[in-house]
Amino acid sequence: MNELQPQHGGTEYIVLIGLFALIGLLYVGFRAWVDYRRDRERHLTLRALVEKGTPIPEALLVPASGGRGGGIRRGIMLLFVGAALAVALLDVAGAPGVWGVGLMVAAAGAAQLLGTLLTERNGGSR
């Protein structure tokens, strides 16, 4: 073995995967917190309208969805993040096939994009 090449025990891969997992968990937690706050505000508004005896607008009874733009944005974001992750992990020495993780994320983005486009094409019914 050449003395000039550093010895790695694979810990840098664990740190890299842990970093991506932490970012993902923070994103999911933040989204859950935002959804909770939005639903709480909507419920408080509904309660105030009921207490006053005011008619409730239908828009407040139906939860707002991301719509077509949200699904397309999410799909494109996942597609490009997955492609960038695949390229970043392509040159990881000693761990062949790790770049496939990026391809899985890109495939999820492509599926989200395709599903949103097909749902919209069929008139928005799921």
N, C-alpha and C. Protein backbone atom coordinates (compact mmCIF):
# COMPACT_ATOMS: atom_id res chain seq x y z
N MET A 1 0.85 -1.17 0.00
CA MET A 1 0.00 0.00 0.00
C MET A 1 0.90 1.24 0.00
N ASN A 2 0.52 2.22 -0.73
CA ASN A 2 1.30 3.45 -0.86
C ASN A 2 1.13 4.31 0.39
N GLU A 3 2.23 4.77 0.94
CA GLU A 3 2.20 5.58 2.16
C GLU A 3 1.67 7.00 1.90
N LEU A 4 1.67 7.45 0.64
CA LEU A 4 1.24 8.81 0.35
C LEU A 4 -0.28 8.94 0.29
N GLN A 5 -1.00 7.85 0.10
CA GLN A 5 -2.44 7.92 0.02
C GLN A 5 -3.04 7.84 1.43
N PRO A 6 -3.95 8.77 1.74
CA PRO A 6 -4.54 8.75 3.08
C PRO A 6 -5.45 7.54 3.25
N GLN A 7 -5.51 7.06 4.46
CA GLN A 7 -6.37 5.94 4.80
C GLN A 7 -7.70 6.48 5.33
N HIS A 8 -8.77 6.03 4.75
CA HIS A 8 -10.10 6.46 5.19
C HIS A 8 -10.87 5.24 5.64
N GLY A 9 -11.53 5.38 6.73
CA GLY A 9 -12.33 4.28 7.26
C GLY A 9 -13.78 4.33 6.82
N GLY A 10 -14.12 5.21 5.90
CA GLY A 10 -15.49 5.32 5.44
C GLY A 10 -16.33 6.30 6.24
N THR A 11 -15.73 6.97 7.22
CA THR A 11 -16.51 7.89 8.05
C THR A 11 -16.98 9.11 7.27
N GLU A 12 -16.24 9.50 6.23
CA GLU A 12 -16.67 10.67 5.46
C GLU A 12 -17.97 10.39 4.73
N TYR A 13 -18.23 9.14 4.35
CA TYR A 13 -19.47 8.79 3.69
C TYR A 13 -20.63 8.85 4.69
N ILE A 14 -20.37 8.40 5.89
CA ILE A 14 -21.40 8.43 6.92
C ILE A 14 -21.75 9.87 7.26
N VAL A 15 -20.75 10.73 7.32
CA VAL A 15 -20.98 12.15 7.60
C VAL A 15 -21.78 12.78 6.48
N LEU A 16 -21.46 12.46 5.23
CA LEU A 16 -22.17 13.01 4.08
C LEU A 16 -23.63 12.55 4.07
N ILE A 17 -23.86 11.29 4.30
CA ILE A 17 -25.23 10.77 4.34
C ILE A 17 -25.98 11.36 5.52
N GLY A 18 -25.32 11.49 6.66
CA GLY A 18 -25.95 12.10 7.83
C GLY A 18 -26.32 13.55 7.58
N LEU A 19 -25.47 14.28 6.86
CA LEU A 19 -25.76 15.67 6.54
C LEU A 19 -27.01 15.78 5.67
N PHE A 20 -27.10 14.95 4.64
CA PHE A 20 -28.28 14.98 3.78
C PHE A 20 -29.53 14.54 4.55
N ALA A 21 -29.39 13.56 5.43
CA ALA A 21 -30.53 13.12 6.23
C ALA A 21 -30.99 14.24 7.18
N LEU A 22 -30.05 14.94 7.78
CA LEU A 22 -30.39 16.05 8.67
C LEU A 22 -31.11 17.16 7.91
N ILE A 23 -30.62 17.50 6.73
CA ILE A 23 -31.27 18.53 5.92
C ILE A 23 -32.68 18.09 5.57
N GLY A 24 -32.84 16.83 5.20
CA GLY A 24 -34.17 16.32 4.87
C GLY A 24 -35.11 16.36 6.05
N LEU A 25 -34.62 15.95 7.22
CA LEU A 25 -35.46 15.96 8.41
C LEU A 25 -35.84 17.39 8.82
N LEU A 26 -34.91 18.32 8.70
CA LEU A 26 -35.22 19.71 9.01
C LEU A 26 -36.28 20.26 8.06
N TYR A 27 -36.18 19.89 6.79
CA TYR A 27 -37.18 20.34 5.80
C TYR A 27 -38.55 19.78 6.13
N VAL A 28 -38.62 18.49 6.41
CA VAL A 28 -39.90 17.86 6.74
C VAL A 28 -40.48 18.45 8.02
N GLY A 29 -39.65 18.66 9.03
CA GLY A 29 -40.12 19.26 10.27
C GLY A 29 -40.63 20.67 10.07
N PHE A 30 -39.92 21.46 9.28
CA PHE A 30 -40.35 22.83 9.01
C PHE A 30 -41.68 22.85 8.27
N ARG A 31 -41.81 21.99 7.26
CA ARG A 31 -43.08 21.93 6.51
C ARG A 31 -44.23 21.51 7.42
N ALA A 32 -43.99 20.55 8.31
CA ALA A 32 -45.04 20.12 9.24
C ALA A 32 -45.43 21.26 10.17
N TRP A 33 -44.46 22.03 10.64
CA TRP A 33 -44.74 23.16 11.52
C TRP A 33 -45.54 24.23 10.79
N VAL A 34 -45.18 24.53 9.54
CA VAL A 34 -45.90 25.54 8.75
C VAL A 34 -47.34 25.08 8.50
N ASP A 35 -47.53 23.80 8.17
CA ASP A 35 -48.88 23.28 7.94
C ASP A 35 -49.71 23.34 9.22
N TYR A 36 -49.08 23.01 10.34
CA TYR A 36 -49.78 23.08 11.63
C TYR A 36 -50.24 24.50 11.92
N ARG A 37 -49.36 25.47 11.73
CA ARG A 37 -49.70 26.87 12.00
C ARG A 37 -50.83 27.35 11.08
N ARG A 38 -50.77 26.97 9.82
CA ARG A 38 -51.80 27.39 8.87
C ARG A 38 -53.16 26.79 9.25
N ASP A 39 -53.16 25.50 9.60
CA ASP A 39 -54.41 24.86 10.00
C ASP A 39 -54.95 25.45 11.30
N ARG A 40 -54.07 25.76 12.23
CA ARG A 40 -54.50 26.35 13.50
C ARG A 40 -55.16 27.71 13.28
N GLU A 41 -54.55 28.53 12.43
CA GLU A 41 -55.13 29.85 12.13
C GLU A 41 -56.48 29.71 11.43
N ARG A 42 -56.59 28.74 10.54
CA ARG A 42 -57.86 28.52 9.84
C ARG A 42 -58.94 28.09 10.83
N HIS A 43 -58.58 27.20 11.76
CA HIS A 43 -59.55 26.75 12.76
C HIS A 43 -59.97 27.88 13.69
N LEU A 44 -59.03 28.73 14.08
CA LEU A 44 -59.39 29.86 14.93
C LEU A 44 -60.34 30.81 14.20
N THR A 45 -60.10 31.01 12.91
CA THR A 45 -60.98 31.87 12.11
C THR A 45 -62.37 31.26 12.02
N LEU A 46 -62.43 29.95 11.78
CA LEU A 46 -63.72 29.27 11.71
C LEU A 46 -64.48 29.37 13.03
N ARG A 47 -63.77 29.17 14.14
CA ARG A 47 -64.41 29.26 15.45
C ARG A 47 -64.96 30.66 15.69
N ALA A 48 -64.21 31.69 15.34
CA ALA A 48 -64.68 33.06 15.52
C ALA A 48 -65.91 33.34 14.66
N LEU A 49 -65.95 32.82 13.43
CA LEU A 49 -67.11 33.03 12.57
C LEU A 49 -68.33 32.31 13.12
N VAL A 50 -68.15 31.11 13.65
CA VAL A 50 -69.27 30.35 14.21
C VAL A 50 -69.82 31.06 15.45
N GLU A 51 -68.92 31.56 16.30
CA GLU A 51 -69.37 32.25 17.52
C GLU A 51 -70.15 33.51 17.21
N LYS A 52 -69.79 34.20 16.11
CA LYS A 52 -70.50 35.42 15.73
C LYS A 52 -71.77 35.12 14.95
N GLY A 53 -71.91 33.89 14.45
CA GLY A 53 -73.08 33.54 13.66
C GLY A 53 -72.97 33.98 12.21
N THR A 54 -71.78 34.29 11.77
CA THR A 54 -71.52 34.72 10.40
C THR A 54 -71.48 33.50 9.48
N PRO A 55 -72.02 33.61 8.27
CA PRO A 55 -71.91 32.49 7.33
C PRO A 55 -70.44 32.20 7.00
N ILE A 56 -70.13 30.93 6.89
CA ILE A 56 -68.75 30.52 6.66
C ILE A 56 -68.50 30.37 5.16
N PRO A 57 -67.52 31.07 4.62
CA PRO A 57 -67.20 30.91 3.19
C PRO A 57 -66.71 29.48 2.90
N GLU A 58 -67.08 28.97 1.75
CA GLU A 58 -66.72 27.60 1.39
C GLU A 58 -65.20 27.42 1.28
N ALA A 59 -64.50 28.47 0.93
CA ALA A 59 -63.04 28.39 0.80
C ALA A 59 -62.37 28.05 2.13
N LEU A 60 -63.01 28.42 3.25
CA LEU A 60 -62.43 28.10 4.55
C LEU A 60 -62.72 26.66 4.98
N LEU A 61 -63.75 26.06 4.41
CA LEU A 61 -64.10 24.69 4.78
C LEU A 61 -63.26 23.66 4.04
N VAL A 62 -62.81 24.00 2.85
CA VAL A 62 -62.00 23.08 2.04
C VAL A 62 -60.54 23.46 2.23
N PRO A 63 -59.72 22.54 2.73
CA PRO A 63 -58.30 22.87 2.91
C PRO A 63 -57.64 23.21 1.57
N ALA A 64 -56.81 24.22 1.59
CA ALA A 64 -56.12 24.62 0.37
C ALA A 64 -55.06 23.58 0.00
N SER A 65 -55.02 23.25 -1.28
CA SER A 65 -54.01 22.29 -1.75
C SER A 65 -52.91 23.05 -2.48
N GLY A 66 -51.81 22.37 -2.69
CA GLY A 66 -50.68 22.99 -3.38
C GLY A 66 -51.01 23.37 -4.80
N GLY A 67 -51.97 22.66 -5.41
CA GLY A 67 -52.35 22.97 -6.78
C GLY A 67 -51.31 22.47 -7.76
N ARG A 68 -51.54 22.81 -9.00
CA ARG A 68 -50.65 22.33 -10.06
C ARG A 68 -49.26 22.92 -9.93
N GLY A 69 -49.18 24.20 -9.63
CA GLY A 69 -47.87 24.85 -9.53
C GLY A 69 -47.00 24.24 -8.45
N GLY A 70 -47.59 23.87 -7.32
CA GLY A 70 -46.82 23.27 -6.23
C GLY A 70 -46.25 21.92 -6.61
N GLY A 71 -47.05 21.10 -7.28
CA GLY A 71 -46.58 19.78 -7.69
C GLY A 71 -45.50 19.85 -8.75
N ILE A 72 -45.66 20.77 -9.68
CA ILE A 72 -44.65 20.92 -10.73
C ILE A 72 -43.36 21.46 -10.13
N ARG A 73 -43.47 22.45 -9.26
CA ARG A 73 -42.27 23.01 -8.62
C ARG A 73 -41.55 21.94 -7.80
N ARG A 74 -42.32 21.17 -7.03
CA ARG A 74 -41.72 20.12 -6.21
C ARG A 74 -41.04 19.06 -7.07
N GLY A 75 -41.69 18.68 -8.17
CA GLY A 75 -41.11 17.68 -9.06
C GLY A 75 -39.83 18.15 -9.72
N ILE A 76 -39.83 19.39 -10.18
CA ILE A 76 -38.61 19.92 -10.82
C ILE A 76 -37.49 20.05 -9.79
N MET A 77 -37.84 20.50 -8.58
CA MET A 77 -36.82 20.63 -7.54
C MET A 77 -36.19 19.28 -7.20
N LEU A 78 -37.02 18.26 -6.99
CA LEU A 78 -36.49 16.93 -6.68
C LEU A 78 -35.67 16.37 -7.84
N LEU A 79 -36.11 16.61 -9.05
CA LEU A 79 -35.39 16.12 -10.22
C LEU A 79 -33.99 16.70 -10.28
N PHE A 80 -33.87 18.01 -10.11
CA PHE A 80 -32.56 18.65 -10.20
C PHE A 80 -31.69 18.39 -8.97
N VAL A 81 -32.30 18.32 -7.78
CA VAL A 81 -31.52 17.99 -6.59
C VAL A 81 -30.97 16.57 -6.70
N GLY A 82 -31.78 15.66 -7.21
CA GLY A 82 -31.33 14.28 -7.40
C GLY A 82 -30.21 14.18 -8.42
N ALA A 83 -30.33 14.93 -9.51
CA ALA A 83 -29.27 14.92 -10.52
C ALA A 83 -27.98 15.50 -9.95
N ALA A 84 -28.08 16.58 -9.20
CA ALA A 84 -26.89 17.18 -8.60
C ALA A 84 -26.26 16.24 -7.56
N LEU A 85 -27.09 15.56 -6.80
CA LEU A 85 -26.59 14.61 -5.81
C LEU A 85 -25.89 13.44 -6.49
N ALA A 86 -26.46 12.96 -7.60
CA ALA A 86 -25.84 11.86 -8.35
C ALA A 86 -24.48 12.28 -8.87
N VAL A 87 -24.39 13.49 -9.41
CA VAL A 87 -23.10 13.97 -9.92
C VAL A 87 -22.10 14.15 -8.79
N ALA A 88 -22.57 14.68 -7.65
CA ALA A 88 -21.67 14.89 -6.52
C ALA A 88 -21.14 13.57 -5.97
N LEU A 89 -21.97 12.54 -5.96
CA LEU A 89 -21.56 11.25 -5.41
C LEU A 89 -20.91 10.35 -6.46
N LEU A 90 -20.85 10.79 -7.69
CA LEU A 90 -20.28 9.98 -8.76
C LEU A 90 -18.79 9.74 -8.55
N ASP A 91 -18.12 10.70 -7.96
CA ASP A 91 -16.67 10.62 -7.82
C ASP A 91 -16.25 10.13 -6.43
N VAL A 92 -17.16 9.54 -5.69
CA VAL A 92 -16.81 9.04 -4.36
C VAL A 92 -16.01 7.75 -4.55
N ALA A 93 -14.75 7.82 -4.18
CA ALA A 93 -13.86 6.67 -4.37
C ALA A 93 -14.14 5.60 -3.32
N GLY A 94 -14.08 4.37 -3.74
CA GLY A 94 -14.20 3.27 -2.80
C GLY A 94 -15.63 2.86 -2.49
N ALA A 95 -16.60 3.53 -3.06
CA ALA A 95 -17.99 3.18 -2.82
C ALA A 95 -18.74 3.21 -4.15
N PRO A 96 -18.57 2.20 -4.96
CA PRO A 96 -19.25 2.21 -6.26
C PRO A 96 -20.76 2.11 -6.09
N GLY A 97 -21.46 2.84 -6.92
CA GLY A 97 -22.92 2.79 -6.89
C GLY A 97 -23.58 3.73 -5.92
N VAL A 98 -22.81 4.51 -5.17
CA VAL A 98 -23.40 5.44 -4.21
C VAL A 98 -24.19 6.53 -4.94
N TRP A 99 -23.78 6.84 -6.16
CA TRP A 99 -24.46 7.88 -6.93
C TRP A 99 -25.90 7.48 -7.25
N GLY A 100 -26.24 6.21 -7.09
CA GLY A 100 -27.60 5.76 -7.32
C GLY A 100 -28.60 6.39 -6.36
N VAL A 101 -28.13 6.85 -5.21
CA VAL A 101 -29.01 7.55 -4.26
C VAL A 101 -29.55 8.81 -4.92
N GLY A 102 -28.70 9.52 -5.64
CA GLY A 102 -29.14 10.71 -6.36
C GLY A 102 -30.13 10.38 -7.45
N LEU A 103 -29.92 9.25 -8.11
CA LEU A 103 -30.88 8.84 -9.14
C LEU A 103 -32.24 8.50 -8.55
N MET A 104 -32.26 7.96 -7.34
CA MET A 104 -33.55 7.67 -6.69
C MET A 104 -34.30 8.96 -6.39
N VAL A 105 -33.59 9.97 -5.94
CA VAL A 105 -34.24 11.26 -5.65
C VAL A 105 -34.73 11.88 -6.96
N ALA A 106 -33.91 11.79 -8.02
CA ALA A 106 -34.32 12.32 -9.32
C ALA A 106 -35.54 11.56 -9.85
N ALA A 107 -35.59 10.25 -9.65
CA ALA A 107 -36.74 9.47 -10.10
C ALA A 107 -38.00 9.87 -9.34
N ALA A 108 -37.86 10.18 -8.05
CA ALA A 108 -39.01 10.64 -7.27
C ALA A 108 -39.51 11.98 -7.81
N GLY A 109 -38.59 12.84 -8.20
CA GLY A 109 -38.97 14.13 -8.79
C GLY A 109 -39.67 13.95 -10.12
N ALA A 110 -39.16 13.04 -10.94
CA ALA A 110 -39.80 12.77 -12.23
C ALA A 110 -41.20 12.20 -12.03
N ALA A 111 -41.36 11.32 -11.04
CA ALA A 111 -42.67 10.75 -10.75
C ALA A 111 -43.64 11.83 -10.27
N GLN A 112 -43.16 12.74 -9.41
CA GLN A 112 -44.00 13.84 -8.92
C GLN A 112 -44.44 14.73 -10.08
N LEU A 113 -43.51 15.06 -10.96
CA LEU A 113 -43.79 15.91 -12.11
C LEU A 113 -44.78 15.24 -13.04
N LEU A 114 -44.55 13.98 -13.36
CA LEU A 114 -45.43 13.24 -14.25
C LEU A 114 -46.83 13.07 -13.63
N GLY A 115 -46.87 12.75 -12.34
CA GLY A 115 -48.16 12.59 -11.68
C GLY A 115 -48.97 13.88 -11.67
N THR A 116 -48.31 15.00 -11.43
CA THR A 116 -49.01 16.28 -11.43
C THR A 116 -49.53 16.62 -12.81
N LEU A 117 -48.70 16.40 -13.83
CA LEU A 117 -49.13 16.71 -15.19
C LEU A 117 -50.28 15.81 -15.63
N LEU A 118 -50.22 14.52 -15.30
CA LEU A 118 -51.31 13.61 -15.68
C LEU A 118 -52.59 13.91 -14.93
N THR A 119 -52.48 14.27 -13.65
CA THR A 119 -53.67 14.61 -12.87
C THR A 119 -54.33 15.86 -13.44
N GLU A 120 -53.52 16.83 -13.82
CA GLU A 120 -54.07 18.06 -14.40
C GLU A 120 -54.70 17.78 -15.75
N ARG A 121 -54.11 16.89 -16.51
CA ARG A 121 -54.64 16.55 -17.83
C ARG A 121 -56.00 15.87 -17.73
N ASN A 122 -56.20 15.08 -16.68
CA ASN A 122 -57.46 14.37 -16.48
C ASN A 122 -58.49 15.21 -15.76
N GLY A 123 -58.29 16.48 -15.68
CA GLY A 123 -59.27 17.37 -15.08
C GLY A 123 -59.12 17.57 -13.59
N GLY A 124 -57.97 17.21 -13.03
CA GLY A 124 -57.71 17.46 -11.61
C GLY A 124 -58.27 16.40 -10.69
N SER A 125 -58.91 15.36 -11.22
CA SER A 125 -59.42 14.29 -10.34
C SER A 125 -58.31 13.31 -10.03
N ARG A 126 -58.32 12.82 -8.80
CA ARG A 126 -57.27 11.90 -8.40
C ARG A 126 -57.72 10.50 -8.51
